[in-house]
N, C-alpha and C. Protein backbone atom coordinates (compact mmCIF):
# COMPACT_ATOMS: atom_id res chain seq x y z
N MET A 1 88.30 96.60 103.73
CA MET A 1 86.90 96.15 104.55
C MET A 1 85.92 97.45 103.24
N GLU A 2 84.97 96.60 102.29
CA GLU A 2 84.57 97.29 101.17
C GLU A 2 82.68 96.88 102.17
N LEU A 3 81.98 98.54 102.03
CA LEU A 3 80.79 98.84 102.22
C LEU A 3 79.81 98.91 101.39
N ASP A 4 78.54 98.06 101.38
CA ASP A 4 77.66 98.04 101.11
C ASP A 4 77.09 99.66 100.59
N ALA A 5 76.28 100.26 99.48
CA ALA A 5 75.64 101.37 99.23
C ALA A 5 75.11 101.56 100.55
N THR A 6 74.26 101.32 101.00
CA THR A 6 73.75 101.47 101.85
C THR A 6 73.75 102.53 102.94
N THR A 7 75.19 101.92 103.64
CA THR A 7 75.92 101.97 104.53
C THR A 7 76.67 103.32 104.67
N LYS A 8 77.46 102.83 103.22
CA LYS A 8 78.25 104.78 102.79
C LYS A 8 77.22 105.55 103.09
N LYS A 9 76.36 105.73 102.41
CA LYS A 9 75.46 106.67 102.63
C LYS A 9 75.21 107.25 103.48
N LYS A 10 74.46 106.23 104.80
CA LYS A 10 74.23 106.49 106.54
C LYS A 10 75.35 107.33 107.23
N LEU A 11 76.42 106.55 106.75
CA LEU A 11 78.00 106.86 106.94
C LEU A 11 78.28 108.46 106.78
N ALA A 12 78.01 108.92 105.66
CA ALA A 12 77.94 109.82 104.65
C ALA A 12 77.59 110.91 105.30
N ASP A 13 75.74 110.49 105.49
CA ASP A 13 75.33 111.70 106.05
C ASP A 13 75.70 111.69 107.87
N GLU A 14 75.61 111.04 108.23
CA GLU A 14 76.43 111.19 109.86
C GLU A 14 77.25 112.46 110.00
N VAL A 15 78.77 111.84 109.01
CA VAL A 15 79.71 113.27 109.04
C VAL A 15 78.91 114.30 108.47
N VAL A 16 77.92 114.18 107.40
CA VAL A 16 77.28 115.93 107.01
C VAL A 16 76.66 116.32 108.45
N LEU A 17 76.01 115.39 109.10
CA LEU A 17 75.37 116.57 110.47
C LEU A 17 76.43 116.61 110.95
N LEU A 18 77.25 116.06 111.90
CA LEU A 18 78.31 116.10 112.47
C LEU A 18 79.05 118.07 112.17
N MET A 19 78.90 117.77 110.56
CA MET A 19 79.76 118.82 109.59
C MET A 19 78.86 120.41 109.79
N LEU A 20 77.50 119.91 110.08
CA LEU A 20 76.73 120.85 110.14
C LEU A 20 76.32 121.51 111.39
N MET A 21 76.87 121.30 112.40
CA MET A 21 77.13 121.18 113.87
C MET A 21 78.35 121.78 114.08
N GLY A 22 79.26 122.05 113.29
CA GLY A 22 80.69 122.89 113.41
C GLY A 22 81.58 122.04 113.54
N MET A 23 81.71 120.73 113.10
CA MET A 23 82.80 119.74 113.22
C MET A 23 83.84 120.64 112.29
N ASN A 24 84.90 119.83 111.95
CA ASN A 24 85.76 119.59 111.00
C ASN A 24 85.57 118.22 110.62
N ARG A 25 85.69 118.58 108.99
CA ARG A 25 84.77 117.38 107.83
C ARG A 25 86.28 115.59 108.56
N LEU A 26 87.25 115.85 108.62
CA LEU A 26 88.18 114.55 109.16
C LEU A 26 87.73 114.48 110.33
N GLU A 27 87.49 115.04 111.08
CA GLU A 27 86.93 114.52 113.46
C GLU A 27 85.56 114.18 112.79
N ALA A 28 85.10 114.64 111.55
CA ALA A 28 83.19 114.72 111.74
C ALA A 28 83.68 113.01 111.19
N ARG A 29 84.50 112.67 110.68
CA ARG A 29 85.44 111.20 109.50
C ARG A 29 85.28 110.07 110.58
N ARG A 30 86.28 111.18 111.28
CA ARG A 30 87.10 109.47 112.17
C ARG A 30 86.47 108.58 113.33
N ILE A 31 85.57 110.25 114.48
CA ILE A 31 84.46 110.23 114.62
C ILE A 31 83.28 108.66 114.16
N VAL A 32 82.51 109.09 113.13
CA VAL A 32 81.30 108.65 112.44
C VAL A 32 82.14 106.15 112.44
N TRP A 33 83.66 106.67 112.05
CA TRP A 33 84.10 105.89 111.70
C TRP A 33 84.90 105.01 112.92
N ASN A 34 84.85 105.75 114.07
CA ASN A 34 84.40 104.57 115.00
C ASN A 34 83.90 104.36 115.64
N ASP A 35 82.56 104.84 115.70
CA ASP A 35 81.68 104.34 116.20
C ASP A 35 80.80 103.49 115.12
N TYR A 36 81.24 103.00 113.94
CA TYR A 36 80.43 102.04 113.08
C TYR A 36 81.65 100.82 113.27
N LEU A 37 83.23 100.94 113.90
CA LEU A 37 83.51 99.67 114.28
C LEU A 37 83.10 99.21 115.48
N ASP A 38 83.34 99.90 116.47
CA ASP A 38 82.38 99.73 118.04
C ASP A 38 81.09 99.11 117.58
N GLU A 39 80.37 99.20 117.17
CA GLU A 39 78.96 99.08 116.44
C GLU A 39 79.44 97.26 115.70
N LEU A 40 79.65 97.49 115.12
CA LEU A 40 80.25 96.02 114.86
C LEU A 40 80.88 95.03 115.74
N ALA A 41 81.55 95.75 116.59
CA ALA A 41 82.89 94.73 117.53
C ALA A 41 81.30 94.42 118.81
N THR A 42 80.39 95.17 118.99
CA THR A 42 79.14 94.82 119.74
C THR A 42 78.56 93.82 119.16
N TYR A 43 78.13 93.78 117.81
CA TYR A 43 77.16 93.54 117.28
C TYR A 43 78.16 91.83 116.99
N ALA A 44 79.35 92.09 116.79
CA ALA A 44 80.48 90.50 116.40
C ALA A 44 80.44 89.61 117.57
N THR A 45 80.29 90.66 118.55
CA THR A 45 80.65 89.43 120.43
C THR A 45 79.46 89.37 121.19
N SER A 46 78.23 90.24 120.74
CA SER A 46 76.46 89.36 120.81
C SER A 46 76.32 88.74 119.90
N ALA A 47 76.44 88.91 118.95
CA ALA A 47 75.68 87.36 118.02
C ALA A 47 77.24 85.90 117.83
N SER A 48 77.83 85.82 118.88
CA SER A 48 79.26 85.22 118.06
C SER A 48 78.58 84.20 118.89
N PRO A 49 78.21 82.71 119.04
CA PRO A 49 77.56 81.86 119.82
C PRO A 49 78.89 81.34 120.89
N ALA A 50 78.09 80.85 121.87
CA ALA A 50 79.22 80.22 123.11
C ALA A 50 80.50 79.23 123.12
N GLU A 51 80.96 79.16 121.94
CA GLU A 51 81.84 77.96 121.52
C GLU A 51 83.16 77.85 121.76
N PRO A 52 83.67 77.07 122.18
CA PRO A 52 85.16 77.04 122.96
C PRO A 52 85.84 77.54 121.72
N GLU A 53 86.77 78.53 121.98
CA GLU A 53 88.05 79.32 120.96
C GLU A 53 89.02 77.46 120.39
N PRO A 54 88.71 77.90 119.32
CA PRO A 54 89.52 76.38 118.13
C PRO A 54 91.46 76.86 119.25
N ALA A 55 91.55 75.29 119.14
CA ALA A 55 93.08 75.46 120.25
C ALA A 55 94.12 76.19 118.68
N GLN A 56 94.86 76.97 119.50
CA GLN A 56 95.66 77.56 118.88
C GLN A 56 97.19 76.67 118.45
N PRO A 57 97.39 76.82 116.95
CA PRO A 57 98.64 76.10 116.11
C PRO A 57 100.07 76.59 116.88
N ALA A 58 101.12 75.45 116.91
CA ALA A 58 102.06 75.27 118.06
C ALA A 58 103.05 76.41 117.24
N PRO A 59 103.45 77.58 117.74
CA PRO A 59 104.22 78.67 117.46
C PRO A 59 105.30 77.82 116.92
N VAL A 60 105.45 78.46 115.66
CA VAL A 60 106.95 78.16 114.67
C VAL A 60 108.23 78.49 115.25
N PRO A 61 109.21 77.23 115.25
CA PRO A 61 110.40 78.00 115.92
C PRO A 61 111.23 78.86 114.53
N LEU A 62 112.18 79.89 115.87
CA LEU A 62 112.30 80.43 115.40
C LEU A 62 113.57 80.56 114.06
N ASP A 63 114.60 79.48 114.20
CA ASP A 63 115.44 79.12 112.81
C ASP A 63 114.99 78.93 111.67
N THR A 64 113.58 78.13 111.38
CA THR A 64 113.82 78.15 110.87
C THR A 64 112.81 79.07 109.22
N PRO A 65 113.41 78.74 108.14
CA PRO A 65 112.99 80.22 107.51
C PRO A 65 112.21 80.34 106.80
N LYS A 66 111.11 81.54 106.70
CA LYS A 66 109.69 81.89 106.34
C LYS A 66 110.00 82.40 105.14
N PRO A 67 108.90 81.90 103.87
CA PRO A 67 108.99 82.10 102.86
C PRO A 67 108.72 83.18 102.54
N GLU A 68 109.19 84.04 101.44
CA GLU A 68 109.27 85.65 100.64
C GLU A 68 106.96 85.43 100.89
N PRO A 69 106.51 86.27 101.33
CA PRO A 69 105.57 87.16 100.45
C PRO A 69 106.15 87.12 98.85
N PRO A 70 104.83 86.54 98.55
CA PRO A 70 104.77 87.24 97.12
C PRO A 70 104.49 88.90 96.85
N THR A 71 105.34 89.17 95.78
CA THR A 71 104.78 90.90 95.76
C THR A 71 103.77 90.63 94.29
N VAL A 72 102.81 91.99 94.89
CA VAL A 72 101.74 92.21 94.30
C VAL A 72 101.96 93.06 93.63
N THR A 73 101.27 93.68 92.09
CA THR A 73 101.20 94.55 91.92
C THR A 73 99.38 94.73 90.95
N LYS A 74 99.55 96.32 91.33
CA LYS A 74 97.87 96.21 91.52
C LYS A 74 98.42 97.26 90.06
N PRO A 75 97.07 97.08 89.31
CA PRO A 75 96.88 97.42 88.02
C PRO A 75 96.51 99.51 88.42
N ALA A 76 96.70 99.67 87.18
CA ALA A 76 95.91 101.77 87.66
C ALA A 76 95.10 101.70 87.96
N GLN A 77 94.02 101.20 87.54
CA GLN A 77 92.50 101.58 87.64
C GLN A 77 92.09 100.76 89.33
N MET A 78 93.22 100.45 90.02
CA MET A 78 92.66 99.30 91.25
C MET A 78 93.09 100.47 92.16
N LEU A 79 94.39 101.71 91.62
CA LEU A 79 95.05 102.50 92.64
C LEU A 79 94.43 103.90 92.47
N SER A 80 94.16 103.90 91.13
CA SER A 80 93.22 105.61 91.06
C SER A 80 91.93 105.38 91.89
N ARG A 81 91.20 104.33 92.47
CA ARG A 81 90.19 104.48 92.85
C ARG A 81 90.12 104.12 94.62
N GLN A 82 91.57 103.78 94.69
CA GLN A 82 91.41 104.19 96.53
C GLN A 82 92.48 105.40 96.86
N ARG A 83 91.35 106.24 97.89
CA ARG A 83 91.86 107.48 98.50
C ARG A 83 92.92 107.65 99.12
N PHE A 84 94.60 108.67 98.90
CA PHE A 84 95.34 108.32 99.10
C PHE A 84 95.24 109.05 100.64
N TRP A 85 96.20 110.46 99.90
CA TRP A 85 95.92 112.16 101.19
C TRP A 85 95.35 113.16 100.42
N ARG A 86 95.05 113.86 100.83
CA ARG A 86 94.71 114.99 100.67
C ARG A 86 94.84 115.95 101.56
N ALA A 87 95.59 116.93 101.15
CA ALA A 87 96.17 118.44 101.66
C ALA A 87 94.87 118.87 102.72
N ALA A 88 93.52 119.12 101.76
CA ALA A 88 92.62 119.75 102.22
C ALA A 88 92.45 119.48 104.14
N ASP A 89 92.16 117.62 103.99
CA ASP A 89 91.80 117.19 104.93
C ASP A 89 93.03 117.42 106.66
N GLU A 90 93.68 118.16 106.11
CA GLU A 90 94.73 118.10 107.21
C GLU A 90 94.82 119.04 107.91
N VAL A 91 95.64 118.84 109.53
CA VAL A 91 94.91 119.78 110.53
C VAL A 91 96.35 120.73 110.19
N VAL A 92 95.70 122.28 110.16
CA VAL A 92 96.98 123.45 109.79
C VAL A 92 97.24 123.63 110.88
N MET A 93 99.30 123.32 110.79
CA MET A 93 99.61 123.38 112.06
C MET A 93 100.78 125.26 111.74
N THR A 94 100.24 125.18 113.35
CA THR A 94 101.04 126.62 113.66
C THR A 94 102.39 126.45 113.28
N PRO A 95 102.84 128.16 113.60
CA PRO A 95 103.79 128.76 113.22
C PRO A 95 104.85 128.10 114.66
N GLU A 96 104.41 128.03 115.55
CA GLU A 96 105.10 127.50 116.79
C GLU A 96 105.29 126.19 116.69
N GLN A 97 104.61 125.06 116.19
CA GLN A 97 104.49 123.50 116.16
C GLN A 97 105.28 123.49 114.92
N LEU A 98 105.30 124.49 113.75
CA LEU A 98 106.36 123.67 112.47
C LEU A 98 107.73 123.62 113.35
N GLN A 99 108.02 125.51 113.58
CA GLN A 99 109.25 125.68 114.82
C GLN A 99 109.70 124.38 115.44
N ARG A 100 109.24 123.96 116.16
CA ARG A 100 109.37 122.74 117.17
C ARG A 100 109.62 121.54 115.86
N ASN A 101 109.18 121.20 115.31
CA ASN A 101 109.06 119.83 114.56
C ASN A 101 109.92 120.34 113.18
N ARG A 102 110.72 121.63 113.17
CA ARG A 102 112.35 121.76 112.32
C ARG A 102 112.96 121.46 112.96
N ALA A 103 113.03 121.75 114.37
CA ALA A 103 114.61 121.53 115.16
C ALA A 103 114.92 119.78 115.52
N GLU A 104 113.42 119.65 115.70
CA GLU A 104 113.81 118.54 115.98
C GLU A 104 114.06 117.22 115.18
N LEU A 105 113.42 117.24 113.99
CA LEU A 105 113.89 116.91 113.24
C LEU A 105 115.53 116.94 112.40
N ALA A 106 116.02 118.26 112.82
CA ALA A 106 117.46 118.73 112.65
C ALA A 106 118.25 118.00 113.54
N LYS A 107 118.10 117.13 114.80
CA LYS A 107 118.42 116.32 115.99
C LYS A 107 118.56 115.50 115.36
N VAL A 108 117.82 115.01 115.05
CA VAL A 108 117.36 113.38 114.07
C VAL A 108 118.39 113.25 113.13
N LYS A 109 118.19 114.50 111.86
CA LYS A 109 119.16 114.56 110.94
C LYS A 109 120.73 114.38 111.69
N GLN A 110 121.16 114.99 112.38
CA GLN A 110 122.19 115.32 112.87
C GLN A 110 123.11 113.46 113.94
N LEU A 111 122.09 113.33 114.66
CA LEU A 111 122.85 111.88 115.14
C LEU A 111 122.79 110.25 113.86
N VAL A 112 121.30 111.42 113.14
CA VAL A 112 121.68 110.38 111.79
C VAL A 112 123.03 109.82 111.05
N GLY A 113 123.72 111.95 111.10
CA GLY A 113 124.28 112.35 110.27
C GLY A 113 124.77 112.90 108.89
N LEU A 114 123.02 113.16 108.87
CA LEU A 114 123.39 113.86 107.24
C LEU A 114 123.76 114.77 107.50
N ARG A 115 123.79 115.83 108.24
CA ARG A 115 124.31 116.85 108.78
C ARG A 115 125.46 117.84 109.98
N LYS A 116 126.01 117.57 109.83
CA LYS A 116 127.46 118.31 110.61
C LYS A 116 127.04 119.49 111.42
């Protein structure tokens, strides 16, 4: 979903306001985004006319082969604009959490047969 500049600015200002109140940046962004989606859903339900829903198409039989989806490769320019992952946004795990995660991972590896 692509937002216009004014909406982006409004959401960014709300994030900054929550951060000034002492909230983590990642948590503030999640809260602001969820509030924005709730507002959109409320607006969509109140703005939609009371028309009956269109009839659903008949379900496709299970034995019918589905066509392969086309593979789309994005140019490097488009990939560079997308935000991926930043370590700074991640929550720092405690040593106990890390130890518990490593133990669970070892169990899974043992079940799969990667480790004996």
